């Protein structure tokens, strides 16, 4: 693995930790980090009250490439929803548990946490 890739992973992990800290400080409980399967990955899974929260963490050092939340495109949203379906299936989460899809958007050190960033999007 190239040094650039290692640095990107370290940076990503640091911002995921900050997003997890934000969620916990606001009453949520992190139950999984970096849940992966063959379809994709979800950065954070948390319980916030009765809701199961799937959070995508995006970081940009500046806005030259656009806002971080703009990287959570429609295809990415569909992938997150597909992975969340699989997560609920293997963890035996009942269908009546509400789900929420959030985005933690970091621009430099500034966090914009977007609750209900997008609705459930089936494939």
N, C-alpha and C. Protein backbone atom coordinates (compact mmCIF):
# COMPACT_ATOMS: atom_id res chain seq x y z
N UNK A 1 0.85 -1.19 0.00
CA UNK A 1 0.00 0.00 0.00
C UNK A 1 0.89 1.25 0.00
N UNK A 2 0.52 2.21 -0.82
CA UNK A 2 1.31 3.43 -0.92
C UNK A 2 1.12 4.31 0.31
N UNK A 3 2.12 5.14 0.57
CA UNK A 3 2.07 6.03 1.74
C UNK A 3 0.88 6.97 1.67
N UNK A 4 0.54 7.42 0.45
CA UNK A 4 -0.62 8.31 0.26
C UNK A 4 -1.90 7.63 0.74
N UNK A 5 -2.06 6.33 0.40
CA UNK A 5 -3.25 5.58 0.82
C UNK A 5 -3.30 5.41 2.33
N UNK A 6 -2.15 5.16 2.95
CA UNK A 6 -2.07 5.00 4.40
C UNK A 6 -2.47 6.31 5.07
N UNK A 7 -1.97 7.43 4.55
CA UNK A 7 -2.31 8.74 5.12
C UNK A 7 -3.79 9.05 4.98
N UNK A 8 -4.39 8.67 3.83
CA UNK A 8 -5.82 8.89 3.64
C UNK A 8 -6.63 8.09 4.66
N UNK A 9 -6.21 6.86 4.91
CA UNK A 9 -6.92 6.02 5.88
C UNK A 9 -6.79 6.59 7.29
N UNK A 10 -5.61 7.07 7.63
CA UNK A 10 -5.41 7.68 8.96
C UNK A 10 -6.28 8.92 9.11
N UNK A 11 -6.31 9.74 8.06
CA UNK A 11 -7.13 10.95 8.09
C UNK A 11 -8.60 10.58 8.22
N UNK A 12 -9.04 9.62 7.41
CA UNK A 12 -10.43 9.17 7.47
C UNK A 12 -10.79 8.65 8.85
N UNK A 13 -9.92 7.85 9.44
CA UNK A 13 -10.17 7.29 10.77
C UNK A 13 -10.26 8.39 11.82
N UNK A 14 -9.43 9.42 11.69
CA UNK A 14 -9.46 10.53 12.66
C UNK A 14 -10.79 11.27 12.58
N UNK A 15 -11.27 11.53 11.37
CA UNK A 15 -12.54 12.25 11.24
C UNK A 15 -13.74 11.38 11.60
N UNK A 16 -13.63 10.09 11.37
CA UNK A 16 -14.69 9.18 11.82
C UNK A 16 -14.77 9.18 13.35
N UNK A 17 -13.61 9.24 14.00
CA UNK A 17 -13.59 9.30 15.46
C UNK A 17 -14.22 10.60 15.96
N UNK A 18 -13.96 11.71 15.28
CA UNK A 18 -14.57 12.99 15.67
C UNK A 18 -16.09 12.95 15.47
N UNK A 19 -16.53 12.33 14.38
CA UNK A 19 -17.97 12.22 14.13
C UNK A 19 -18.62 11.34 15.20
N UNK A 20 -17.96 10.24 15.57
CA UNK A 20 -18.48 9.36 16.63
C UNK A 20 -18.57 10.11 17.95
N UNK A 21 -17.55 10.90 18.24
CA UNK A 21 -17.56 11.71 19.47
C UNK A 21 -18.73 12.69 19.46
N UNK A 22 -18.97 13.34 18.32
CA UNK A 22 -20.10 14.26 18.20
C UNK A 22 -21.42 13.54 18.48
N UNK A 23 -21.60 12.38 17.86
CA UNK A 23 -22.82 11.62 18.06
C UNK A 23 -23.01 11.27 19.54
N UNK A 24 -21.95 10.78 20.16
CA UNK A 24 -22.04 10.38 21.58
C UNK A 24 -22.34 11.58 22.47
N UNK A 25 -21.72 12.71 22.18
CA UNK A 25 -21.97 13.92 22.97
C UNK A 25 -23.41 14.40 22.82
N UNK A 26 -24.05 13.98 21.74
CA UNK A 26 -25.43 14.38 21.48
C UNK A 26 -26.42 13.25 21.75
N UNK A 27 -26.00 12.28 22.57
CA UNK A 27 -26.92 11.28 23.09
C UNK A 27 -27.01 9.97 22.34
N UNK A 28 -26.30 9.81 21.25
CA UNK A 28 -26.33 8.55 20.51
C UNK A 28 -25.29 7.58 21.10
N UNK A 29 -25.48 6.31 20.77
CA UNK A 29 -24.52 5.28 21.21
C UNK A 29 -23.99 4.57 19.97
N UNK A 30 -22.69 4.64 19.76
CA UNK A 30 -22.07 3.98 18.61
C UNK A 30 -22.11 2.47 18.85
N UNK A 31 -22.63 1.74 17.87
CA UNK A 31 -22.67 0.29 18.01
C UNK A 31 -21.78 -0.43 16.99
N UNK A 32 -21.33 0.30 15.98
CA UNK A 32 -20.45 -0.32 14.98
C UNK A 32 -19.70 0.77 14.23
N UNK A 33 -18.44 0.48 13.91
CA UNK A 33 -17.63 1.38 13.09
C UNK A 33 -17.15 0.60 11.88
N UNK A 34 -17.14 1.25 10.74
CA UNK A 34 -16.63 0.67 9.50
C UNK A 34 -17.21 -0.70 9.21
N UNK A 35 -18.53 -0.78 9.17
CA UNK A 35 -19.18 -2.03 8.80
C UNK A 35 -19.03 -2.22 7.30
N UNK A 36 -18.42 -3.34 6.91
CA UNK A 36 -18.16 -3.62 5.50
C UNK A 36 -18.78 -4.94 5.08
N UNK A 37 -19.20 -4.96 3.84
CA UNK A 37 -19.56 -6.22 3.19
C UNK A 37 -19.21 -6.07 1.72
N UNK A 38 -19.59 -7.05 0.93
CA UNK A 38 -19.19 -7.01 -0.49
C UNK A 38 -19.86 -5.88 -1.26
N UNK A 39 -20.91 -5.29 -0.71
CA UNK A 39 -21.62 -4.21 -1.39
C UNK A 39 -20.99 -2.84 -1.12
N UNK A 40 -20.37 -2.68 0.05
CA UNK A 40 -19.80 -1.39 0.41
C UNK A 40 -19.54 -1.28 1.89
N UNK A 41 -19.52 -0.04 2.39
CA UNK A 41 -19.18 0.22 3.77
C UNK A 41 -20.06 1.33 4.34
N UNK A 42 -20.31 1.22 5.63
CA UNK A 42 -20.95 2.30 6.38
C UNK A 42 -19.96 2.70 7.46
N UNK A 43 -19.68 4.00 7.55
CA UNK A 43 -18.66 4.48 8.49
C UNK A 43 -19.06 4.27 9.94
N UNK A 44 -20.27 4.70 10.31
CA UNK A 44 -20.73 4.60 11.70
C UNK A 44 -22.17 4.12 11.75
N UNK A 45 -22.43 3.23 12.70
CA UNK A 45 -23.80 2.81 12.99
C UNK A 45 -24.03 3.14 14.45
N UNK A 46 -25.13 3.83 14.73
CA UNK A 46 -25.42 4.26 16.10
C UNK A 46 -26.89 4.07 16.42
N UNK A 47 -27.18 4.06 17.71
CA UNK A 47 -28.55 4.12 18.19
C UNK A 47 -28.77 5.52 18.75
N UNK A 48 -29.80 6.18 18.26
CA UNK A 48 -30.17 7.50 18.74
C UNK A 48 -31.64 7.42 19.12
N UNK A 49 -31.89 7.24 20.41
CA UNK A 49 -33.25 6.96 20.85
C UNK A 49 -33.67 5.62 20.28
N UNK A 50 -34.78 5.60 19.58
CA UNK A 50 -35.27 4.35 18.97
C UNK A 50 -34.72 4.14 17.57
N UNK A 51 -34.04 5.14 17.02
CA UNK A 51 -33.60 5.09 15.62
C UNK A 51 -32.21 4.48 15.48
N UNK A 52 -32.07 3.69 14.42
CA UNK A 52 -30.79 3.17 14.00
C UNK A 52 -30.23 4.17 13.00
N UNK A 53 -29.06 4.72 13.29
CA UNK A 53 -28.49 5.80 12.49
C UNK A 53 -27.26 5.31 11.73
N UNK A 54 -27.30 5.48 10.42
CA UNK A 54 -26.18 5.13 9.56
C UNK A 54 -25.54 6.44 9.11
N UNK A 55 -24.28 6.64 9.49
CA UNK A 55 -23.61 7.92 9.22
C UNK A 55 -22.45 7.74 8.26
N UNK A 56 -22.48 8.52 7.20
CA UNK A 56 -21.37 8.59 6.24
C UNK A 56 -20.53 9.80 6.62
N UNK A 57 -19.22 9.60 6.75
CA UNK A 57 -18.30 10.67 7.12
C UNK A 57 -17.52 11.08 5.88
N UNK A 58 -17.54 12.38 5.58
CA UNK A 58 -16.80 12.90 4.43
C UNK A 58 -15.94 14.06 4.89
N UNK A 59 -14.72 14.10 4.35
CA UNK A 59 -13.75 15.14 4.72
C UNK A 59 -13.18 15.78 3.46
N UNK A 60 -13.04 17.08 3.51
CA UNK A 60 -12.31 17.85 2.50
C UNK A 60 -11.47 18.87 3.25
N UNK A 61 -10.23 19.03 2.82
CA UNK A 61 -9.38 20.01 3.49
C UNK A 61 -9.84 21.43 3.19
N UNK A 62 -10.48 21.61 2.02
CA UNK A 62 -11.03 22.91 1.64
C UNK A 62 -12.19 22.65 0.68
N UNK A 63 -12.80 23.70 0.16
CA UNK A 63 -13.95 23.50 -0.71
C UNK A 63 -13.61 23.59 -2.20
N UNK A 64 -12.35 23.47 -2.56
CA UNK A 64 -11.95 23.54 -3.97
C UNK A 64 -12.57 22.42 -4.80
N UNK A 65 -12.79 21.27 -4.18
CA UNK A 65 -13.40 20.13 -4.88
C UNK A 65 -14.89 20.02 -4.58
N UNK A 66 -15.46 21.05 -4.01
CA UNK A 66 -16.86 21.03 -3.62
C UNK A 66 -17.01 20.71 -2.15
N UNK A 67 -18.23 20.83 -1.67
CA UNK A 67 -18.50 20.54 -0.26
C UNK A 67 -18.42 19.04 -0.03
N UNK A 68 -17.98 18.63 1.16
CA UNK A 68 -17.84 17.20 1.42
C UNK A 68 -19.15 16.42 1.25
N UNK A 69 -20.26 17.01 1.67
CA UNK A 69 -21.54 16.30 1.57
C UNK A 69 -21.98 16.07 0.12
N UNK A 70 -21.44 16.86 -0.81
CA UNK A 70 -21.76 16.66 -2.22
C UNK A 70 -21.19 15.36 -2.77
N UNK A 71 -20.23 14.77 -2.05
CA UNK A 71 -19.65 13.49 -2.46
C UNK A 71 -20.57 12.32 -2.14
N UNK A 72 -21.63 12.57 -1.37
CA UNK A 72 -22.60 11.52 -1.06
C UNK A 72 -23.69 11.59 -2.14
N UNK A 73 -23.31 11.11 -3.30
CA UNK A 73 -24.15 11.16 -4.49
C UNK A 73 -25.29 10.15 -4.40
N UNK A 74 -26.21 10.24 -5.33
CA UNK A 74 -27.33 9.29 -5.36
C UNK A 74 -26.85 7.84 -5.42
N UNK A 75 -25.88 7.48 -6.29
CA UNK A 75 -25.39 6.10 -6.26
C UNK A 75 -24.78 5.71 -4.90
N UNK A 76 -24.07 6.64 -4.27
CA UNK A 76 -23.48 6.36 -2.94
C UNK A 76 -24.60 6.16 -1.92
N UNK A 77 -25.64 6.97 -1.99
CA UNK A 77 -26.78 6.82 -1.08
C UNK A 77 -27.43 5.44 -1.24
N UNK A 78 -27.59 5.02 -2.48
CA UNK A 78 -28.18 3.70 -2.73
C UNK A 78 -27.29 2.59 -2.16
N UNK A 79 -25.99 2.75 -2.30
CA UNK A 79 -25.06 1.76 -1.75
C UNK A 79 -25.17 1.71 -0.23
N UNK A 80 -25.21 2.86 0.40
CA UNK A 80 -25.34 2.92 1.86
C UNK A 80 -26.63 2.22 2.30
N UNK A 81 -27.71 2.47 1.59
CA UNK A 81 -28.99 1.84 1.93
C UNK A 81 -28.93 0.33 1.74
N UNK A 82 -28.28 -0.12 0.69
CA UNK A 82 -28.12 -1.56 0.46
C UNK A 82 -27.32 -2.19 1.60
N UNK A 83 -26.23 -1.55 1.99
CA UNK A 83 -25.41 -2.06 3.09
C UNK A 83 -26.20 -2.04 4.39
N UNK A 84 -27.02 -1.01 4.58
CA UNK A 84 -27.84 -0.94 5.80
C UNK A 84 -28.87 -2.07 5.83
N UNK A 85 -29.42 -2.42 4.66
CA UNK A 85 -30.34 -3.56 4.59
C UNK A 85 -29.65 -4.84 5.04
N UNK A 86 -28.44 -5.05 4.53
CA UNK A 86 -27.68 -6.25 4.89
C UNK A 86 -27.34 -6.24 6.38
N UNK A 87 -26.94 -5.07 6.88
CA UNK A 87 -26.62 -4.93 8.31
C UNK A 87 -27.82 -5.36 9.15
N UNK A 88 -28.99 -4.85 8.82
CA UNK A 88 -30.21 -5.17 9.58
C UNK A 88 -30.56 -6.65 9.46
N UNK A 89 -30.31 -7.22 8.30
CA UNK A 89 -30.60 -8.63 8.10
C UNK A 89 -29.71 -9.50 9.00
N UNK A 90 -28.40 -9.29 8.94
CA UNK A 90 -27.51 -10.17 9.70
C UNK A 90 -27.52 -9.89 11.20
N UNK A 91 -27.89 -8.65 11.58
CA UNK A 91 -27.98 -8.32 13.01
C UNK A 91 -29.39 -8.56 13.55
N UNK A 92 -30.26 -9.04 12.67
CA UNK A 92 -31.65 -9.36 13.02
C UNK A 92 -32.38 -8.17 13.65
N UNK A 93 -32.23 -7.02 13.00
CA UNK A 93 -32.92 -5.80 13.42
C UNK A 93 -34.34 -5.87 12.85
N UNK A 94 -35.35 -5.74 13.70
CA UNK A 94 -36.73 -5.80 13.20
C UNK A 94 -37.03 -4.68 12.19
N UNK A 95 -37.93 -4.97 11.28
CA UNK A 95 -38.30 -4.00 10.23
C UNK A 95 -38.93 -2.73 10.80
N UNK A 96 -39.51 -2.81 12.00
CA UNK A 96 -40.19 -1.64 12.55
C UNK A 96 -39.24 -0.66 13.26
N UNK A 97 -37.94 -0.98 13.31
CA UNK A 97 -36.98 -0.05 13.90
C UNK A 97 -36.70 1.06 12.89
N UNK A 98 -36.94 2.32 13.28
CA UNK A 98 -36.71 3.41 12.33
C UNK A 98 -35.23 3.54 11.99
N UNK A 99 -34.98 3.88 10.73
CA UNK A 99 -33.60 4.10 10.25
C UNK A 99 -33.45 5.56 9.84
N UNK A 100 -32.24 6.04 10.06
CA UNK A 100 -31.94 7.42 9.66
C UNK A 100 -30.58 7.41 8.96
N UNK A 101 -30.46 8.22 7.94
CA UNK A 101 -29.22 8.31 7.17
C UNK A 101 -28.67 9.73 7.30
N UNK A 102 -27.53 9.83 7.99
CA UNK A 102 -26.92 11.12 8.27
C UNK A 102 -25.58 11.25 7.54
N UNK A 103 -25.11 12.48 7.43
CA UNK A 103 -23.79 12.75 6.87
C UNK A 103 -23.05 13.68 7.82
N UNK A 104 -21.82 13.28 8.16
CA UNK A 104 -20.91 14.14 8.92
C UNK A 104 -19.93 14.72 7.91
N UNK A 105 -20.09 16.01 7.61
CA UNK A 105 -19.29 16.66 6.57
C UNK A 105 -18.25 17.57 7.23
N UNK A 106 -16.99 17.22 7.07
CA UNK A 106 -15.90 18.01 7.63
C UNK A 106 -15.23 18.79 6.51
N UNK A 107 -15.15 20.09 6.71
CA UNK A 107 -14.37 20.95 5.82
C UNK A 107 -13.28 21.56 6.69
N UNK A 108 -12.06 21.05 6.50
CA UNK A 108 -11.01 21.37 7.46
C UNK A 108 -11.42 20.76 8.79
N UNK A 109 -11.45 21.56 9.83
CA UNK A 109 -11.85 21.05 11.14
C UNK A 109 -13.31 21.37 11.46
N UNK A 110 -13.99 22.05 10.55
CA UNK A 110 -15.39 22.44 10.77
C UNK A 110 -16.33 21.30 10.41
N UNK A 111 -17.21 20.95 11.33
CA UNK A 111 -18.18 19.88 11.12
C UNK A 111 -19.56 20.45 10.83
N UNK A 112 -20.17 19.95 9.77
CA UNK A 112 -21.58 20.16 9.51
C UNK A 112 -22.20 18.77 9.63
N UNK A 113 -23.00 18.57 10.66
CA UNK A 113 -23.64 17.27 10.84
C UNK A 113 -25.06 17.39 10.30
N UNK A 114 -25.37 16.57 9.29
CA UNK A 114 -26.65 16.67 8.61
C UNK A 114 -27.50 15.46 8.97
N UNK A 115 -28.48 15.69 9.85
CA UNK A 115 -29.44 14.63 10.22
C UNK A 115 -30.41 14.43 9.06
N UNK A 116 -30.82 13.18 8.88
CA UNK A 116 -31.73 12.88 7.77
C UNK A 116 -31.22 13.48 6.46
N UNK A 117 -29.96 13.25 6.17
CA UNK A 117 -29.34 13.83 4.97
C UNK A 117 -30.00 13.33 3.70
N UNK A 118 -30.50 12.09 3.73
CA UNK A 118 -31.19 11.55 2.58
C UNK A 118 -32.16 10.47 3.06
N UNK A 119 -33.21 10.22 2.26
CA UNK A 119 -34.17 9.18 2.63
C UNK A 119 -33.64 7.79 2.22
N UNK A 120 -34.31 6.78 2.69
CA UNK A 120 -33.99 5.42 2.26
C UNK A 120 -34.16 5.34 0.75
N UNK A 121 -33.15 4.82 0.09
CA UNK A 121 -33.18 4.70 -1.37
C UNK A 121 -32.90 3.26 -1.76
N UNK A 122 -33.94 2.52 -2.12
CA UNK A 122 -33.72 1.13 -2.54
C UNK A 122 -33.03 1.09 -3.90
N UNK A 123 -32.39 -0.02 -4.17
CA UNK A 123 -31.71 -0.17 -5.48
C UNK A 123 -32.71 -0.40 -6.57
